PDB file of N, CA and C in Angstrom:
ATOM      1  N   MET A   1     -26.775  31.073 -46.890  1.00  0.00           N
ATOM      2  CA  MET A   1     -27.505  29.988 -46.273  1.00  0.00           C
ATOM      3  C   MET A   1     -26.569  28.825 -45.938  1.00  0.00           C
ATOM      4  N   GLU A   2     -25.653  28.540 -46.857  1.00  0.00           N
ATOM      5  CA  GLU A   2     -24.673  27.463 -46.639  1.00  0.00           C
ATOM      6  C   GLU A   2     -23.819  27.760 -45.413  1.00  0.00           C
ATOM      7  N   GLU A   3     -23.393  29.022 -45.290  1.00  0.00           N
ATOM      8  CA  GLU A   3     -22.575  29.417 -44.148  1.00  0.00           C
ATOM      9  C   GLU A   3     -23.337  29.253 -42.847  1.00  0.00           C
ATOM     10  N   LEU A   4     -24.571  29.657 -42.841  1.00  0.00           N
ATOM     11  CA  LEU A   4     -25.414  29.529 -41.659  1.00  0.00           C
ATOM     12  C   LEU A   4     -25.581  28.070 -41.272  1.00  0.00           C
ATOM     13  N   LYS A   5     -25.763  27.219 -42.262  1.00  0.00           N
ATOM     14  CA  LYS A   5     -25.907  25.778 -42.006  1.00  0.00           C
ATOM     15  C   LYS A   5     -24.607  25.202 -41.429  1.00  0.00           C
ATOM     16  N   ALA A   6     -23.467  25.628 -41.971  1.00  0.00           N
ATOM     17  CA  ALA A   6     -22.165  25.157 -41.491  1.00  0.00           C
ATOM     18  C   ALA A   6     -21.922  25.617 -40.055  1.00  0.00           C
ATOM     19  N   VAL A   7     -22.255  26.858 -39.757  1.00  0.00           N
ATOM     20  CA  VAL A   7     -22.083  27.388 -38.409  1.00  0.00           C
ATOM     21  C   VAL A   7     -23.002  26.651 -37.440  1.00  0.00           C
ATOM     22  N   THR A   8     -24.211  26.396 -37.858  1.00  0.00           N
ATOM     23  CA  THR A   8     -25.174  25.674 -37.015  1.00  0.00           C
ATOM     24  C   THR A   8     -24.667  24.266 -36.717  1.00  0.00           C
ATOM     25  N   GLU A   9     -24.130  23.597 -37.728  1.00  0.00           N
ATOM     26  CA  GLU A   9     -23.571  22.253 -37.534  1.00  0.00           C
ATOM     27  C   GLU A   9     -22.369  22.298 -36.595  1.00  0.00           C
ATOM     28  N   GLU A  10     -21.544  23.338 -36.749  1.00  0.00           N
ATOM     29  CA  GLU A  10     -20.373  23.495 -35.886  1.00  0.00           C
ATOM     30  C   GLU A  10     -20.802  23.678 -34.434  1.00  0.00           C
ATOM     31  N   ILE A  11     -21.799  24.509 -34.233  1.00  0.00           N
ATOM     32  CA  ILE A  11     -22.314  24.739 -32.875  1.00  0.00           C
ATOM     33  C   ILE A  11     -22.895  23.453 -32.317  1.00  0.00           C
ATOM     34  N   SER A  12     -23.616  22.734 -33.132  1.00  0.00           N
ATOM     35  CA  SER A  12     -24.217  21.475 -32.706  1.00  0.00           C
ATOM     36  C   SER A  12     -23.147  20.468 -32.315  1.00  0.00           C
ATOM     37  N   GLU A  13     -22.096  20.386 -33.117  1.00  0.00           N
ATOM     38  CA  GLU A  13     -20.982  19.485 -32.807  1.00  0.00           C
ATOM     39  C   GLU A  13     -20.307  19.893 -31.499  1.00  0.00           C
ATOM     40  N   GLY A  14     -20.115  21.190 -31.319  1.00  0.00           N
ATOM     41  CA  GLY A  14     -19.501  21.687 -30.090  1.00  0.00           C
ATOM     42  C   GLY A  14     -20.336  21.330 -28.866  1.00  0.00           C
ATOM     43  N   GLN A  15     -21.640  21.475 -28.993  1.00  0.00           N
ATOM     44  CA  GLN A  15     -22.527  21.131 -27.887  1.00  0.00           C
ATOM     45  C   GLN A  15     -22.506  19.628 -27.616  1.00  0.00           C
ATOM     46  N   LYS A  16     -22.412  18.863 -28.678  1.00  0.00           N
ATOM     47  CA  LYS A  16     -22.360  17.403 -28.529  1.00  0.00           C
ATOM     48  C   LYS A  16     -21.071  16.997 -27.799  1.00  0.00           C
ATOM     49  N   ARG A  17     -19.944  17.604 -28.200  1.00  0.00           N
ATOM     50  CA  ARG A  17     -18.672  17.303 -27.540  1.00  0.00           C
ATOM     51  C   ARG A  17     -18.696  17.741 -26.072  1.00  0.00           C
ATOM     52  N   LYS A  18     -19.324  18.883 -25.844  1.00  0.00           N
ATOM     53  CA  LYS A  18     -19.434  19.383 -24.475  1.00  0.00           C
ATOM     54  C   LYS A  18     -20.242  18.407 -23.616  1.00  0.00           C
ATOM     55  N   GLU A  19     -21.326  17.901 -24.126  1.00  0.00           N
ATOM     56  CA  GLU A  19     -22.162  16.944 -23.398  1.00  0.00           C
ATOM     57  C   GLU A  19     -21.417  15.630 -23.180  1.00  0.00           C
ATOM     58  N   GLU A  20     -20.672  15.167 -24.191  1.00  0.00           N
ATOM     59  CA  GLU A  20     -19.882  13.944 -24.041  1.00  0.00           C
ATOM     60  C   GLU A  20     -18.821  14.116 -22.950  1.00  0.00           C
ATOM     61  N   THR A  21     -18.185  15.272 -22.951  1.00  0.00           N
ATOM     62  CA  THR A  21     -17.175  15.562 -21.938  1.00  0.00           C
ATOM     63  C   THR A  21     -17.806  15.586 -20.551  1.00  0.00           C
ATOM     64  N   ARG A  22     -18.970  16.208 -20.437  1.00  0.00           N
ATOM     65  CA  ARG A  22     -19.671  16.269 -19.155  1.00  0.00           C
ATOM     66  C   ARG A  22     -20.007  14.857 -18.671  1.00  0.00           C
ATOM     67  N   GLN A  23     -20.460  13.997 -19.577  1.00  0.00           N
ATOM     68  CA  GLN A  23     -20.782  12.614 -19.212  1.00  0.00           C
ATOM     69  C   GLN A  23     -19.535  11.859 -18.762  1.00  0.00           C
ATOM     70  N   GLU A  24     -18.429  12.057 -19.470  1.00  0.00           N
ATOM     71  CA  GLU A  24     -17.178  11.403 -19.087  1.00  0.00           C
ATOM     72  C   GLU A  24     -16.744  11.833 -17.689  1.00  0.00           C
ATOM     73  N   ILE A  25     -16.890  13.117 -17.402  1.00  0.00           N
ATOM     74  CA  ILE A  25     -16.529  13.629 -16.077  1.00  0.00           C
ATOM     75  C   ILE A  25     -17.411  12.989 -15.013  1.00  0.00           C
ATOM     76  N   GLU A  26     -18.697  12.886 -15.269  1.00  0.00           N
ATOM     77  CA  GLU A  26     -19.617  12.271 -14.311  1.00  0.00           C
ATOM     78  C   GLU A  26     -19.271  10.797 -14.085  1.00  0.00           C
ATOM     79  N   GLU A  27     -18.808  10.116 -15.121  1.00  0.00           N
ATOM     80  CA  GLU A  27     -18.425   8.712 -14.991  1.00  0.00           C
ATOM     81  C   GLU A  27     -17.148   8.562 -14.160  1.00  0.00           C
ATOM     82  N   ILE A  28     -16.273   9.552 -14.227  1.00  0.00           N
ATOM     83  CA  ILE A  28     -14.993   9.500 -13.531  1.00  0.00           C
ATOM     84  C   ILE A  28     -15.130   9.889 -12.054  1.00  0.00           C
ATOM     85  N   LYS A  29     -16.117  10.722 -11.714  1.00  0.00           N
ATOM     86  CA  LYS A  29     -16.269  11.232 -10.354  1.00  0.00           C
ATOM     87  C   LYS A  29     -16.281  10.147  -9.276  1.00  0.00           C
ATOM     88  N   PRO A  30     -17.054   9.046  -9.435  1.00  0.00           N
ATOM     89  CA  PRO A  30     -17.030   8.016  -8.377  1.00  0.00           C
ATOM     90  C   PRO A  30     -15.635   7.417  -8.166  1.00  0.00           C
ATOM     91  N   GLU A  31     -14.925   7.217  -9.251  1.00  0.00           N
ATOM     92  CA  GLU A  31     -13.568   6.674  -9.145  1.00  0.00           C
ATOM     93  C   GLU A  31     -12.655   7.661  -8.417  1.00  0.00           C
ATOM     94  N   CYS A  32     -12.819   8.947  -8.700  1.00  0.00           N
ATOM     95  CA  CYS A  32     -12.024   9.975  -8.017  1.00  0.00           C
ATOM     96  C   CYS A  32     -12.315   9.969  -6.524  1.00  0.00           C
ATOM     97  N   ARG A  33     -13.598   9.857  -6.159  1.00  0.00           N
ATOM     98  CA  ARG A  33     -13.958   9.813  -4.737  1.00  0.00           C
ATOM     99  C   ARG A  33     -13.325   8.595  -4.064  1.00  0.00           C
ATOM    100  N   LYS A  34     -13.373   7.464  -4.752  1.00  0.00           N
ATOM    101  CA  LYS A  34     -12.796   6.239  -4.197  1.00  0.00           C
ATOM    102  C   LYS A  34     -11.278   6.401  -4.004  1.00  0.00           C
ATOM    103  N   LEU A  35     -10.608   6.972  -4.987  1.00  0.00           N
ATOM    104  CA  LEU A  35      -9.165   7.188  -4.885  1.00  0.00           C
ATOM    105  C   LEU A  35      -8.839   8.149  -3.742  1.00  0.00           C
ATOM    106  N   LYS A  36      -9.661   9.186  -3.562  1.00  0.00           N
ATOM    107  CA  LYS A  36      -9.463  10.123  -2.468  1.00  0.00           C
ATOM    108  C   LYS A  36      -9.551   9.406  -1.129  1.00  0.00           C
ATOM    109  N   GLU A  37     -10.548   8.544  -0.988  1.00  0.00           N
ATOM    110  CA  GLU A  37     -10.714   7.779   0.251  1.00  0.00           C
ATOM    111  C   GLU A  37      -9.510   6.876   0.498  1.00  0.00           C
ATOM    112  N   GLU A  38      -9.033   6.216  -0.551  1.00  0.00           N
ATOM    113  CA  GLU A  38      -7.874   5.345  -0.421  1.00  0.00           C
ATOM    114  C   GLU A  38      -6.633   6.144  -0.033  1.00  0.00           C
ATOM    115  N   ILE A  39      -6.484   7.328  -0.598  1.00  0.00           N
ATOM    116  CA  ILE A  39      -5.348   8.188  -0.265  1.00  0.00           C
ATOM    117  C   ILE A  39      -5.414   8.593   1.203  1.00  0.00           C
ATOM    118  N   MET A  40      -6.612   8.904   1.687  1.00  0.00           N
ATOM    119  CA  MET A  40      -6.774   9.274   3.092  1.00  0.00           C
ATOM    120  C   MET A  40      -6.392   8.111   4.009  1.00  0.00           C
ATOM    121  N   ILE A  41      -6.811   6.908   3.648  1.00  0.00           N
ATOM    122  CA  ILE A  41      -6.479   5.718   4.443  1.00  0.00           C
ATOM    123  C   ILE A  41      -4.969   5.506   4.465  1.00  0.00           C
ATOM    124  N   ILE A  42      -4.350   5.600   3.302  1.00  0.00           N
ATOM    125  CA  ILE A  42      -2.896   5.413   3.201  1.00  0.00           C
ATOM    126  C   ILE A  42      -2.169   6.493   3.995  1.00  0.00           C
ATOM    127  N   SER A  43      -2.649   7.735   3.925  1.00  0.00           N
ATOM    128  CA  SER A  43      -2.021   8.828   4.667  1.00  0.00           C
ATOM    129  C   SER A  43      -2.078   8.568   6.165  1.00  0.00           C
ATOM    130  N   LYS A  44      -3.230   8.089   6.642  1.00  0.00           N
ATOM    131  CA  LYS A  44      -3.360   7.776   8.067  1.00  0.00           C
ATOM    132  C   LYS A  44      -2.406   6.654   8.459  1.00  0.00           C
ATOM    133  N   GLN A  45      -2.284   5.647   7.608  1.00  0.00           N
ATOM    134  CA  GLN A  45      -1.365   4.542   7.894  1.00  0.00           C
ATOM    135  C   GLN A  45       0.077   5.030   7.931  1.00  0.00           C
ATOM    136  N   ILE A  46       0.421   5.915   7.031  1.00  0.00           N
ATOM    137  CA  ILE A  46       1.776   6.471   7.003  1.00  0.00           C
ATOM    138  C   ILE A  46       2.051   7.257   8.279  1.00  0.00           C
ATOM    139  N   MET A  47       1.059   8.031   8.740  1.00  0.00           N
ATOM    140  CA  MET A  47       1.228   8.789   9.975  1.00  0.00           C
ATOM    141  C   MET A  47       1.443   7.854  11.162  1.00  0.00           C
ATOM    142  N   ILE A  48       0.680   6.760  11.215  1.00  0.00           N
ATOM    143  CA  ILE A  48       0.824   5.797  12.308  1.00  0.00           C
ATOM    144  C   ILE A  48       2.214   5.164  12.275  1.00  0.00           C
ATOM    145  N   ILE A  49       2.637   4.750  11.092  1.00  0.00           N
ATOM    146  CA  ILE A  49       3.958   4.132  10.945  1.00  0.00           C
ATOM    147  C   ILE A  49       5.055   5.123  11.322  1.00  0.00           C
ATOM    148  N   SER A  50       4.896   6.360  10.903  1.00  0.00           N
ATOM    149  CA  SER A  50       5.883   7.394  11.229  1.00  0.00           C
ATOM    150  C   SER A  50       5.990   7.586  12.738  1.00  0.00           C
ATOM    151  N   LYS A  51       4.849   7.608  13.414  1.00  0.00           N
ATOM    152  CA  LYS A  51       4.865   7.747  14.876  1.00  0.00           C
ATOM    153  C   LYS A  51       5.538   6.538  15.521  1.00  0.00           C
ATOM    154  N   GLN A  52       5.281   5.352  14.976  1.00  0.00           N
ATOM    155  CA  GLN A  52       5.915   4.148  15.511  1.00  0.00           C
ATOM    156  C   GLN A  52       7.426   4.197  15.328  1.00  0.00           C
ATOM    157  N   ILE A  53       7.855   4.665  14.174  1.00  0.00           N
ATOM    158  CA  ILE A  53       9.294   4.787  13.911  1.00  0.00           C
ATOM    159  C   ILE A  53       9.922   5.773  14.891  1.00  0.00           C
ATOM    160  N   ASP A  54       9.255   6.921  15.084  1.00  0.00           N
ATOM    161  CA  ASP A  54       9.762   7.913  16.036  1.00  0.00           C
ATOM    162  C   ASP A  54       9.856   7.316  17.440  1.00  0.00           C
ATOM    163  N   CYS A  55       8.814   6.605  17.832  1.00  0.00           N
ATOM    164  CA  CYS A  55       8.779   5.992  19.158  1.00  0.00           C
ATOM    165  C   CYS A  55       9.902   4.960  19.306  1.00  0.00           C
ATOM    166  N   ASN A  56      10.096   4.151  18.284  1.00  0.00           N
ATOM    167  CA  ASN A  56      11.166   3.147  18.317  1.00  0.00           C
ATOM    168  C   ASN A  56      12.540   3.800  18.407  1.00  0.00           C
ATOM    169  N   GLN A  57      12.701   4.930  17.725  1.00  0.00           N
ATOM    170  CA  GLN A  57      13.978   5.650  17.781  1.00  0.00           C
ATOM    171  C   GLN A  57      14.230   6.183  19.187  1.00  0.00           C
ATOM    172  N   ILE A  58      13.173   6.708  19.801  1.00  0.00           N
ATOM    173  CA  ILE A  58      13.308   7.215  21.174  1.00  0.00           C
ATOM    174  C   ILE A  58      13.670   6.067  22.113  1.00  0.00           C
ATOM    175  N   LYS A  59      12.986   4.937  21.955  1.00  0.00           N
ATOM    176  CA  LYS A  59      13.282   3.770  22.799  1.00  0.00           C
ATOM    177  C   LYS A  59      14.729   3.316  22.626  1.00  0.00           C
ATOM    178  N   ALA A  60      15.175   3.254  21.400  1.00  0.00           N
ATOM    179  CA  ALA A  60      16.549   2.818  21.127  1.00  0.00           C
ATOM    180  C   ALA A  60      17.550   3.772  21.773  1.00  0.00           C
ATOM    181  N   ASN A  61      17.287   5.071  21.653  1.00  0.00           N
ATOM    182  CA  ASN A  61      18.185   6.058  22.264  1.00  0.00           C
ATOM    183  C   ASN A  61      18.199   5.921  23.786  1.00  0.00           C
ATOM    184  N   LEU A  62      17.012   5.710  24.360  1.00  0.00           N
ATOM    185  CA  LEU A  62      16.955   5.523  25.812  1.00  0.00           C
ATOM    186  C   LEU A  62      17.717   4.270  26.232  1.00  0.00           C
ATOM    187  N   MET A  63      17.543   3.181  25.488  1.00  0.00           N
ATOM    188  CA  MET A  63      18.245   1.939  25.827  1.00  0.00           C
ATOM    189  C   MET A  63      19.753   2.124  25.755  1.00  0.00           C
ATOM    190  N   LEU A  64      20.205   2.829  24.731  1.00  0.00           N
ATOM    191  CA  LEU A  64      21.649   3.098  24.636  1.00  0.00           C
ATOM    192  C   LEU A  64      22.115   3.956  25.798  1.00  0.00           C
ATOM    193  N   SER A  65      21.302   4.932  26.190  1.00  0.00           N
ATOM    194  CA  SER A  65      21.660   5.778  27.329  1.00  0.00           C
ATOM    195  C   SER A  65      21.693   4.975  28.619  1.00  0.00           C
ATOM    196  N   ILE A  66      20.767   4.041  28.761  1.00  0.00           N
ATOM    197  CA  ILE A  66      20.760   3.172  29.951  1.00  0.00           C
ATOM    198  C   ILE A  66      22.036   2.332  29.999  1.00  0.00           C
ATOM    199  N   LEU A  67      22.378   1.754  28.853  1.00  0.00           N
ATOM    200  CA  LEU A  67      23.605   0.949  28.806  1.00  0.00           C
ATOM    201  C   LEU A  67      24.838   1.791  29.133  1.00  0.00           C
ATOM    202  N   LYS A  68      24.867   3.009  28.606  1.00  0.00           N
ATOM    203  CA  LYS A  68      25.999   3.904  28.865  1.00  0.00           C
ATOM    204  C   LYS A  68      26.054   4.270  30.350  1.00  0.00           C
ATOM    205  N   ALA A  69      24.885   4.559  30.938  1.00  0.00           N
ATOM    206  CA  ALA A  69      24.845   4.907  32.369  1.00  0.00           C
ATOM    207  C   ALA A  69      25.316   3.729  33.214  1.00  0.00           C
ATOM    208  N   ARG A  70      24.896   2.528  32.864  1.00  0.00           N
ATOM    209  CA  ARG A  70      25.341   1.335  33.611  1.00  0.00           C
ATOM    210  C   ARG A  70      26.841   1.117  33.448  1.00  0.00           C
ATOM    211  N   GLU A  71      27.308   1.337  32.232  1.00  0.00           N
ATOM    212  CA  GLU A  71      28.741   1.181  31.962  1.00  0.00           C
ATOM    213  C   GLU A  71      29.556   2.163  32.812  1.00  0.00           C
ATOM    214  N   ASP A  72      28.990   3.362  32.974  1.00  0.00           N
ATOM    215  CA  ASP A  72      29.659   4.388  33.780  1.00  0.00           C
ATOM    216  C   ASP A  72      29.359   4.223  35.277  1.00  0.00           C
ATOM    217  N   LYS A  73      28.646   3.152  35.611  1.00  0.00           N
ATOM    218  CA  LYS A  73      28.264   2.858  36.999  1.00  0.00           C
ATOM    219  C   LYS A  73      27.389   3.955  37.607  1.00  0.00           C
ATOM    220  N   ASN A  74      26.649   4.613  36.753  1.00  0.00           N
ATOM    221  CA  ASN A  74      25.711   5.654  37.195  1.00  0.00           C
ATOM    222  C   ASN A  74      24.325   5.008  37.278  1.00  0.00           C
ATOM    223  N   PHE A  75      24.116   4.233  38.335  1.00  0.00           N
ATOM    224  CA  PHE A  75      22.902   3.427  38.460  1.00  0.00           C
ATOM    225  C   PHE A  75      21.656   4.268  38.727  1.00  0.00           C
ATOM    226  N   ALA A  76      21.830   5.420  39.331  1.00  0.00           N
ATOM    227  CA  ALA A  76      20.682   6.308  39.573  1.00  0.00           C
ATOM    228  C   ALA A  76      20.127   6.805  38.232  1.00  0.00           C
ATOM    229  N   GLN A  77      21.040   7.233  37.368  1.00  0.00           N
ATOM    230  CA  GLN A  77      20.608   7.694  36.051  1.00  0.00           C
ATOM    231  C   GLN A  77      20.020   6.535  35.246  1.00  0.00           C
ATOM    232  N   ALA A  78      20.625   5.377  35.333  1.00  0.00           N
ATOM    233  CA  ALA A  78      20.113   4.199  34.628  1.00  0.00           C
ATOM    234  C   ALA A  78      18.693   3.872  35.098  1.00  0.00           C
ATOM    235  N   ALA A  79      18.454   3.995  36.411  1.00  0.00           N
ATOM    236  CA  ALA A  79      17.120   3.732  36.954  1.00  0.00           C
ATOM    237  C   ALA A  79      16.115   4.760  36.445  1.00  0.00           C
ATOM    238  N   GLN A  80      16.513   6.027  36.390  1.00  0.00           N
ATOM    239  CA  GLN A  80      15.621   7.081  35.889  1.00  0.00           C
ATOM    240  C   GLN A  80      15.287   6.851  34.406  1.00  0.00           C
ATOM    241  N   LEU A  81      16.304   6.525  33.649  1.00  0.00           N
ATOM    242  CA  LEU A  81      16.090   6.289  32.214  1.00  0.00           C
ATOM    243  C   LEU A  81      15.214   5.057  31.987  1.00  0.00           C
ATOM    244  N   THR A  82      15.392   4.045  32.838  1.00  0.00           N
ATOM    245  CA  THR A  82      14.574   2.836  32.737  1.00  0.00           C
ATOM    246  C   THR A  82      13.114   3.171  33.024  1.00  0.00           C
ATOM    247  N   GLN A  83      12.874   4.008  34.040  1.00  0.00           N
ATOM    248  CA  GLN A  83      11.504   4.443  34.342  1.00  0.00           C
ATOM    249  C   GLN A  83      10.913   5.204  33.150  1.00  0.00           C
ATOM    250  N   LEU A  84      11.715   6.072  32.586  1.00  0.00           N
ATOM    251  CA  LEU A  84      11.274   6.858  31.425  1.00  0.00           C
ATOM    252  C   LEU A  84      10.948   5.928  30.246  1.00  0.00           C
ATOM    253  N   LEU A  85      11.770   4.915  30.065  1.00  0.00           N
ATOM    254  CA  LEU A  85      11.567   3.969  28.978  1.00  0.00           C
ATOM    255  C   LEU A  85      10.199   3.269  29.102  1.00  0.00           C
ATOM    256  N   ARG A  86       9.787   3.014  30.324  1.00  0.00           N
ATOM    257  CA  ARG A  86       8.501   2.346  30.543  1.00  0.00           C
ATOM    258  C   ARG A  86       7.319   3.188  30.083  1.00  0.00           C
ATOM    259  N   PHE A  87       7.510   4.517  30.099  1.00  0.00           N
ATOM    260  CA  PHE A  87       6.426   5.417  29.719  1.00  0.00           C
ATOM    261  C   PHE A  87       6.365   5.682  28.219  1.00  0.00           C
ATOM    262  N   VAL A  88       7.415   5.357  27.526  1.00  0.00           N
ATOM    263  CA  VAL A  88       7.457   5.614  26.085  1.00  0.00           C
ATOM    264  C   VAL A  88       6.681   4.516  25.375  1.00  0.00           C
ATOM    265  N   ASP A  89       5.668   4.943  24.642  1.00  0.00           N
ATOM    266  CA  ASP A  89       4.889   3.957  23.887  1.00  0.00           C
ATOM    267  C   ASP A  89       4.128   4.543  22.792  1.00  0.00           C
TER     268      ASP A  89
END
């Protein structure tokens, strides 16, 4: 009888811990959703910044090419590169 009582108490304790854990998880879920949303926002911002960096790099390369073309007195190429630069954004 003592063993049965001990096993019953053990099972009861296990169920109590399981319920406490379930409640803790439910309390954490809204915070997890909020963090997920914040991560998505940050990821989108990083993508935008990355595209801006890429665009700026392309512009810088074009500007250097324009300067080089002008230095070489290749004004036709400089004009083409200048037109291309206007489209980069």
